[in-house]
Amino acid sequence: MYCNYNFKKKSELKAAVASGHKVGIFQPNEMFSNPKSAPDYTGKAYLEGPHYPAAHSWYAEVELVNGFIVKVK
């Protein structure tokens, strides 16, 4: 899964969340519906970035509340 913004580095994602930006997540291929990409999901999810077609260079475990990332591990 990816976050709404195409962060090139995990540190950029962490900084955005820490500064209060509302960052959500999505599953690029909705053919395989993932309940974690629902707009009201609360719990853990795993992300990768940057977005395809760039090679993924970072991965993150995140905690979401009502569809928005509140913590990046």
PDB file of N, CA and C in Angstrom:
ATOM      1  N   MET A   1       0.835  -1.165   0.000  1.00  0.00           N
ATOM      2  CA  MET A   1       0.000   0.000   0.000  1.00  0.00           C
ATOM      3  C   MET A   1       0.885   1.235   0.000  1.00  0.00           C
ATOM      4  N   TYR A   2       0.304   2.319  -0.426  1.00  0.00           N
ATOM      5  CA  TYR A   2       1.015   3.588  -0.514  1.00  0.00           C
ATOM      6  C   TYR A   2       0.298   4.654   0.317  1.00  0.00           C
ATOM      7  N   CYS A   3       1.014   5.729   0.639  1.00  0.00           N
ATOM      8  CA  CYS A   3       0.352   6.872   1.271  1.00  0.00           C
ATOM      9  C   CYS A   3      -0.069   7.846   0.170  1.00  0.00           C
ATOM     10  N   ASN A   4      -0.960   8.771   0.502  1.00  0.00           N
ATOM     11  CA  ASN A   4      -1.521   9.699  -0.497  1.00  0.00           C
ATOM     12  C   ASN A   4      -0.455  10.503  -1.221  1.00  0.00           C
ATOM     13  N   TYR A   5       0.582  10.865  -0.532  1.00  0.00           N
ATOM     14  CA  TYR A   5       1.650  11.672  -1.107  1.00  0.00           C
ATOM     15  C   TYR A   5       2.807  10.763  -1.488  1.00  0.00           C
ATOM     16  N   ASN A   6       3.482  11.091  -2.548  1.00  0.00           N
ATOM     17  CA  ASN A   6       4.583  10.261  -3.029  1.00  0.00           C
ATOM     18  C   ASN A   6       5.900  10.708  -2.390  1.00  0.00           C
ATOM     19  N   PHE A   7       6.070  10.366  -1.125  1.00  0.00           N
ATOM     20  CA  PHE A   7       7.296  10.721  -0.416  1.00  0.00           C
ATOM     21  C   PHE A   7       8.457   9.902  -0.959  1.00  0.00           C
ATOM     22  N   LYS A   8       9.566  10.564  -1.210  1.00  0.00           N
ATOM     23  CA  LYS A   8      10.753   9.876  -1.735  1.00  0.00           C
ATOM     24  C   LYS A   8      11.520   9.162  -0.625  1.00  0.00           C
ATOM     25  N   LYS A   9      11.366   9.643   0.630  1.00  0.00           N
ATOM     26  CA  LYS A   9      12.075   9.050   1.761  1.00  0.00           C
ATOM     27  C   LYS A   9      11.105   8.860   2.921  1.00  0.00           C
ATOM     28  N   LYS A  10      11.370   7.846   3.721  1.00  0.00           N
ATOM     29  CA  LYS A  10      10.546   7.586   4.898  1.00  0.00           C
ATOM     30  C   LYS A  10      10.609   8.770   5.867  1.00  0.00           C
ATOM     31  N   SER A  11      11.741   9.439   5.927  1.00  0.00           N
ATOM     32  CA  SER A  11      11.885  10.589   6.827  1.00  0.00           C
ATOM     33  C   SER A  11      10.935  11.719   6.439  1.00  0.00           C
ATOM     34  N   GLU A  12      10.632  11.853   5.148  1.00  0.00           N
ATOM     35  CA  GLU A  12       9.670  12.866   4.703  1.00  0.00           C
ATOM     36  C   GLU A  12       8.269  12.535   5.202  1.00  0.00           C
ATOM     37  N   LEU A  13       7.907  11.263   5.177  1.00  0.00           N
ATOM     38  CA  LEU A  13       6.611  10.824   5.711  1.00  0.00           C
ATOM     39  C   LEU A  13       6.538  11.106   7.202  1.00  0.00           C
ATOM     40  N   LYS A  14       7.588  10.734   7.935  1.00  0.00           N
ATOM     41  CA  LYS A  14       7.617  10.966   9.383  1.00  0.00           C
ATOM     42  C   LYS A  14       7.474  12.450   9.706  1.00  0.00           C
ATOM     43  N   ALA A  15       8.173  13.298   8.974  1.00  0.00           N
ATOM     44  CA  ALA A  15       8.115  14.745   9.219  1.00  0.00           C
ATOM     45  C   ALA A  15       6.721  15.295   8.942  1.00  0.00           C
ATOM     46  N   ALA A  16       6.085  14.831   7.883  1.00  0.00           N
ATOM     47  CA  ALA A  16       4.742  15.308   7.541  1.00  0.00           C
ATOM     48  C   ALA A  16       3.737  14.922   8.622  1.00  0.00           C
ATOM     49  N   VAL A  17       3.812  13.698   9.100  1.00  0.00           N
ATOM     50  CA  VAL A  17       2.893  13.236  10.151  1.00  0.00           C
ATOM     51  C   VAL A  17       3.162  13.993  11.447  1.00  0.00           C
ATOM     52  N   ALA A  18       4.435  14.176  11.792  1.00  0.00           N
ATOM     53  CA  ALA A  18       4.794  14.888  13.024  1.00  0.00           C
ATOM     54  C   ALA A  18       4.332  16.343  13.000  1.00  0.00           C
ATOM     55  N   SER A  19       4.289  16.945  11.816  1.00  0.00           N
ATOM     56  CA  SER A  19       3.881  18.352  11.724  1.00  0.00           C
ATOM     57  C   SER A  19       2.363  18.514  11.614  1.00  0.00           C
ATOM     58  N   GLY A  20       1.635  17.406  11.635  1.00  0.00           N
ATOM     59  CA  GLY A  20       0.180  17.479  11.662  1.00  0.00           C
ATOM     60  C   GLY A  20      -0.528  17.349  10.331  1.00  0.00           C
ATOM     61  N   HIS A  21       0.190  17.048   9.259  1.00  0.00           N
ATOM     62  CA  HIS A  21      -0.473  16.852   7.963  1.00  0.00           C
ATOM     63  C   HIS A  21      -1.331  15.592   8.012  1.00  0.00           C
ATOM     64  N   LYS A  22      -2.487  15.646   7.392  1.00  0.00           N
ATOM     65  CA  LYS A  22      -3.368  14.482   7.317  1.00  0.00           C
ATOM     66  C   LYS A  22      -2.948  13.649   6.116  1.00  0.00           C
ATOM     67  N   VAL A  23      -2.329  12.523   6.406  1.00  0.00           N
ATOM     68  CA  VAL A  23      -1.838  11.628   5.366  1.00  0.00           C
ATOM     69  C   VAL A  23      -2.627  10.330   5.463  1.00  0.00           C
ATOM     70  N   GLY A  24      -3.269   9.959   4.377  1.00  0.00           N
ATOM     71  CA  GLY A  24      -4.013   8.705   4.316  1.00  0.00           C
ATOM     72  C   GLY A  24      -3.256   7.683   3.493  1.00  0.00           C
ATOM     73  N   ILE A  25      -3.869   6.517   3.301  1.00  0.00           N
ATOM     74  CA  ILE A  25      -3.239   5.454   2.524  1.00  0.00           C
ATOM     75  C   ILE A  25      -4.218   4.937   1.478  1.00  0.00           C
ATOM     76  N   PHE A  26      -3.663   4.229   0.480  1.00  0.00           N
ATOM     77  CA  PHE A  26      -4.519   3.611  -0.528  1.00  0.00           C
ATOM     78  C   PHE A  26      -3.868   2.365  -1.089  1.00  0.00           C
ATOM     79  N   GLN A  27      -4.700   1.493  -1.621  1.00  0.00           N
ATOM     80  CA  GLN A  27      -4.262   0.282  -2.304  1.00  0.00           C
ATOM     81  C   GLN A  27      -4.377   0.570  -3.794  1.00  0.00           C
ATOM     82  N   PRO A  28      -3.264   0.555  -4.554  1.00  0.00           N
ATOM     83  CA  PRO A  28      -3.327   0.955  -5.954  1.00  0.00           C
ATOM     84  C   PRO A  28      -4.207   0.058  -6.828  1.00  0.00           C
ATOM     85  N   ASN A  29      -4.312  -1.207  -6.516  1.00  0.00           N
ATOM     86  CA  ASN A  29      -5.111  -2.118  -7.333  1.00  0.00           C
ATOM     87  C   ASN A  29      -6.358  -2.499  -6.552  1.00  0.00           C
ATOM     88  N   GLU A  30      -7.454  -1.789  -6.769  1.00  0.00           N
ATOM     89  CA  GLU A  30      -8.680  -2.047  -6.014  1.00  0.00           C
ATOM     90  C   GLU A  30      -9.334  -3.371  -6.382  1.00  0.00           C
ATOM     91  N   MET A  31      -8.770  -4.084  -7.354  1.00  0.00           N
ATOM     92  CA  MET A  31      -9.287  -5.406  -7.685  1.00  0.00           C
ATOM     93  C   MET A  31      -9.180  -6.325  -6.469  1.00  0.00           C
ATOM     94  N   PHE A  32      -8.137  -6.127  -5.680  1.00  0.00           N
ATOM     95  CA  PHE A  32      -7.939  -6.880  -4.451  1.00  0.00           C
ATOM     96  C   PHE A  32      -8.224  -5.953  -3.289  1.00  0.00           C
ATOM     97  N   SER A  33      -9.474  -5.725  -3.015  1.00  0.00           N
ATOM     98  CA  SER A  33      -9.885  -4.770  -1.983  1.00  0.00           C
ATOM     99  C   SER A  33      -9.221  -5.091  -0.653  1.00  0.00           C
ATOM    100  N   ASN A  34      -8.597  -4.098  -0.071  1.00  0.00           N
ATOM    101  CA  ASN A  34      -7.912  -4.262   1.204  1.00  0.00           C
ATOM    102  C   ASN A  34      -8.656  -3.426   2.243  1.00  0.00           C
ATOM    103  N   PRO A  35      -9.204  -4.052   3.279  1.00  0.00           N
ATOM    104  CA  PRO A  35      -9.960  -3.283   4.275  1.00  0.00           C
ATOM    105  C   PRO A  35      -9.134  -2.208   4.974  1.00  0.00           C
ATOM    106  N   LYS A  36      -7.818  -2.351   4.986  1.00  0.00           N
ATOM    107  CA  LYS A  36      -6.972  -1.346   5.627  1.00  0.00           C
ATOM    108  C   LYS A  36      -6.929  -0.043   4.842  1.00  0.00           C
ATOM    109  N   SER A  37      -7.315  -0.073   3.589  1.00  0.00           N
ATOM    110  CA  SER A  37      -7.324   1.154   2.789  1.00  0.00           C
ATOM    111  C   SER A  37      -8.674   1.865   2.851  1.00  0.00           C
ATOM    112  N   ALA A  38      -9.588   1.372   3.680  1.00  0.00           N
ATOM    113  CA  ALA A  38     -10.888   2.030   3.848  1.00  0.00           C
ATOM    114  C   ALA A  38     -10.693   3.404   4.481  1.00  0.00           C
ATOM    115  N   PRO A  39     -11.517   4.388   4.134  1.00  0.00           N
ATOM    116  CA  PRO A  39     -11.322   5.754   4.638  1.00  0.00           C
ATOM    117  C   PRO A  39     -11.508   5.916   6.140  1.00  0.00           C
ATOM    118  N   ASP A  40     -12.088   4.933   6.811  1.00  0.00           N
ATOM    119  CA  ASP A  40     -12.308   5.047   8.258  1.00  0.00           C
ATOM    120  C   ASP A  40     -11.549   3.987   9.059  1.00  0.00           C
ATOM    121  N   TYR A  41     -10.542   3.360   8.448  1.00  0.00           N
ATOM    122  CA  TYR A  41      -9.798   2.284   9.109  1.00  0.00           C
ATOM    123  C   TYR A  41      -8.984   2.811  10.289  1.00  0.00           C
ATOM    124  N   THR A  42      -8.999   2.050  11.381  1.00  0.00           N
ATOM    125  CA  THR A  42      -8.170   2.337  12.545  1.00  0.00           C
ATOM    126  C   THR A  42      -7.386   1.072  12.861  1.00  0.00           C
ATOM    127  N   GLY A  43      -6.061   1.187  12.917  1.00  0.00           N
ATOM    128  CA  GLY A  43      -5.206   0.040  13.189  1.00  0.00           C
ATOM    129  C   GLY A  43      -3.861   0.194  12.516  1.00  0.00           C
ATOM    130  N   LYS A  44      -3.153  -0.937  12.350  1.00  0.00           N
ATOM    131  CA  LYS A  44      -1.830  -0.942  11.732  1.00  0.00           C
ATOM    132  C   LYS A  44      -1.912  -1.267  10.253  1.00  0.00           C
ATOM    133  N   ALA A  45      -0.971  -0.720   9.500  1.00  0.00           N
ATOM    134  CA  ALA A  45      -0.834  -1.032   8.081  1.00  0.00           C
ATOM    135  C   ALA A  45       0.643  -0.925   7.707  1.00  0.00           C
ATOM    136  N   TYR A  46       0.977  -1.472   6.559  1.00  0.00           N
ATOM    137  CA  TYR A  46       2.362  -1.459   6.089  1.00  0.00           C
ATOM    138  C   TYR A  46       2.420  -0.780   4.728  1.00  0.00           C
ATOM    139  N   LEU A  47       3.332   0.173   4.594  1.00  0.00           N
ATOM    140  CA  LEU A  47       3.459   0.973   3.380  1.00  0.00           C
ATOM    141  C   LEU A  47       4.811   0.763   2.729  1.00  0.00           C
ATOM    142  N   GLU A  48       4.869   1.151   1.456  1.00  0.00           N
ATOM    143  CA  GLU A  48       6.125   1.162   0.719  1.00  0.00           C
ATOM    144  C   GLU A  48       6.171   2.416  -0.130  1.00  0.00           C
ATOM    145  N   GLY A  49       7.355   2.831  -0.471  1.00  0.00           N
ATOM    146  CA  GLY A  49       7.485   4.035  -1.275  1.00  0.00           C
ATOM    147  C   GLY A  49       8.877   4.122  -1.868  1.00  0.00           C
ATOM    148  N   PRO A  50       9.095   5.004  -2.783  1.00  0.00           N
ATOM    149  CA  PRO A  50       8.098   5.840  -3.436  1.00  0.00           C
ATOM    150  C   PRO A  50       7.160   5.012  -4.312  1.00  0.00           C
ATOM    151  N   HIS A  51       6.174   5.681  -4.894  1.00  0.00           N
ATOM    152  CA  HIS A  51       5.177   4.992  -5.706  1.00  0.00           C
ATOM    153  C   HIS A  51       5.794   4.340  -6.939  1.00  0.00           C
ATOM    154  N   TYR A  52       5.164   3.264  -7.392  1.00  0.00           N
ATOM    155  CA  TYR A  52       5.515   2.620  -8.654  1.00  0.00           C
ATOM    156  C   TYR A  52       5.372   3.645  -9.778  1.00  0.00           C
ATOM    157  N   PRO A  53       6.237   3.705 -10.742  1.00  0.00           N
ATOM    158  CA  PRO A  53       7.216   2.735 -11.193  1.00  0.00           C
ATOM    159  C   PRO A  53       8.607   2.902 -10.594  1.00  0.00           C
ATOM    160  N   ALA A  54       8.793   3.852  -9.696  1.00  0.00           N
ATOM    161  CA  ALA A  54      10.104   3.994  -9.047  1.00  0.00           C
ATOM    162  C   ALA A  54      10.372   2.778  -8.162  1.00  0.00           C
ATOM    163  N   ALA A  55      11.621   2.445  -8.014  1.00  0.00           N
ATOM    164  CA  ALA A  55      11.983   1.321  -7.138  1.00  0.00           C
ATOM    165  C   ALA A  55      11.664   1.691  -5.696  1.00  0.00           C
ATOM    166  N   HIS A  56      11.056   0.773  -4.967  1.00  0.00           N
ATOM    167  CA  HIS A  56      10.740   1.039  -3.566  1.00  0.00           C
ATOM    168  C   HIS A  56      12.030   1.070  -2.762  1.00  0.00           C
ATOM    169  N   SER A  57      12.236   2.147  -2.037  1.00  0.00           N
ATOM    170  CA  SER A  57      13.470   2.290  -1.248  1.00  0.00           C
ATOM    171  C   SER A  57      13.180   2.400   0.240  1.00  0.00           C
ATOM    172  N   TRP A  58      11.902   2.480   0.619  1.00  0.00           N
ATOM    173  CA  TRP A  58      11.572   2.519   2.041  1.00  0.00           C
ATOM    174  C   TRP A  58      10.265   1.767   2.292  1.00  0.00           C
ATOM    175  N   TYR A  59      10.156   1.252   3.515  1.00  0.00           N
ATOM    176  CA  TYR A  59       8.978   0.531   3.972  1.00  0.00           C
ATOM    177  C   TYR A  59       8.676   1.023   5.378  1.00  0.00           C
ATOM    178  N   ALA A  60       7.401   1.052   5.746  1.00  0.00           N
ATOM    179  CA  ALA A  60       7.042   1.574   7.062  1.00  0.00           C
ATOM    180  C   ALA A  60       5.818   0.870   7.619  1.00  0.00           C
ATOM    181  N   GLU A  61       5.850   0.655   8.919  1.00  0.00           N
ATOM    182  CA  GLU A  61       4.663   0.221   9.650  1.00  0.00           C
ATOM    183  C   GLU A  61       4.041   1.497  10.202  1.00  0.00           C
ATOM    184  N   VAL A  62       2.760   1.690   9.974  1.00  0.00           N
ATOM    185  CA  VAL A  62       2.087   2.900  10.426  1.00  0.00           C
ATOM    186  C   VAL A  62       0.852   2.540  11.247  1.00  0.00           C
ATOM    187  N   GLU A  63       0.469   3.467  12.107  1.00  0.00           N
ATOM    188  CA  GLU A  63      -0.784   3.344  12.849  1.00  0.00           C
ATOM    189  C   GLU A  63      -1.728   4.407  12.313  1.00  0.00           C
ATOM    190  N   LEU A  64      -2.966   3.991  12.051  1.00  0.00           N
ATOM    191  CA  LEU A  64      -3.970   4.902  11.519  1.00  0.00           C
ATOM    192  C   LEU A  64      -5.132   5.044  12.489  1.00  0.00           C
ATOM    193  N   VAL A  65      -5.718   6.223  12.502  1.00  0.00           N
ATOM    194  CA  VAL A  65      -6.946   6.491  13.244  1.00  0.00           C
ATOM    195  C   VAL A  65      -7.896   7.169  12.272  1.00  0.00           C
ATOM    196  N   ASN A  66      -9.039   6.537  12.055  1.00  0.00           N
ATOM    197  CA  ASN A  66     -10.040   7.058  11.116  1.00  0.00           C
ATOM    198  C   ASN A  66      -9.459   7.363   9.737  1.00  0.00           C
ATOM    199  N   GLY A  67      -8.572   6.479   9.273  1.00  0.00           N
ATOM    200  CA  GLY A  67      -8.032   6.598   7.917  1.00  0.00           C
ATOM    201  C   GLY A  67      -6.806   7.478   7.746  1.00  0.00           C
ATOM    202  N   PHE A  68      -6.328   8.091   8.823  1.00  0.00           N
ATOM    203  CA  PHE A  68      -5.156   8.960   8.727  1.00  0.00           C
ATOM    204  C   PHE A  68      -4.010   8.442   9.581  1.00  0.00           C
ATOM    205  N   ILE A  69      -2.791   8.584   9.081  1.00  0.00           N
ATOM    206  CA  ILE A  69      -1.605   8.101   9.793  1.00  0.00           C
ATOM    207  C   ILE A  69      -1.356   8.999  10.996  1.00  0.00           C
ATOM    208  N   VAL A  70      -1.195   8.367  12.169  1.00  0.00           N
ATOM    209  CA  VAL A  70      -0.887   9.119  13.386  1.00  0.00           C
ATOM    210  C   VAL A  70       0.500   8.769  13.929  1.00  0.00           C
ATOM    211  N   LYS A  71       1.064   7.647  13.461  1.00  0.00           N
ATOM    212  CA  LYS A  71       2.392   7.235  13.932  1.00  0.00           C
ATOM    213  C   LYS A  71       3.092   6.431  12.856  1.00  0.00           C
ATOM    214  N   VAL A  72       4.381   6.698  12.678  1.00  0.00           N
ATOM    215  CA  VAL A  72       5.219   5.971  11.714  1.00  0.00           C
ATOM    216  C   VAL A  72       6.317   5.290  12.500  1.00  0.00           C
ATOM    217  N   LYS A  73       6.488   3.993  12.288  1.00  0.00           N
ATOM    218  CA  LYS A  73       7.551   3.247  12.976  1.00  0.00           C
ATOM    219  C   LYS A  73       8.690   2.969  12.027  1.00  0.00           C
TER     220      LYS A  73
END
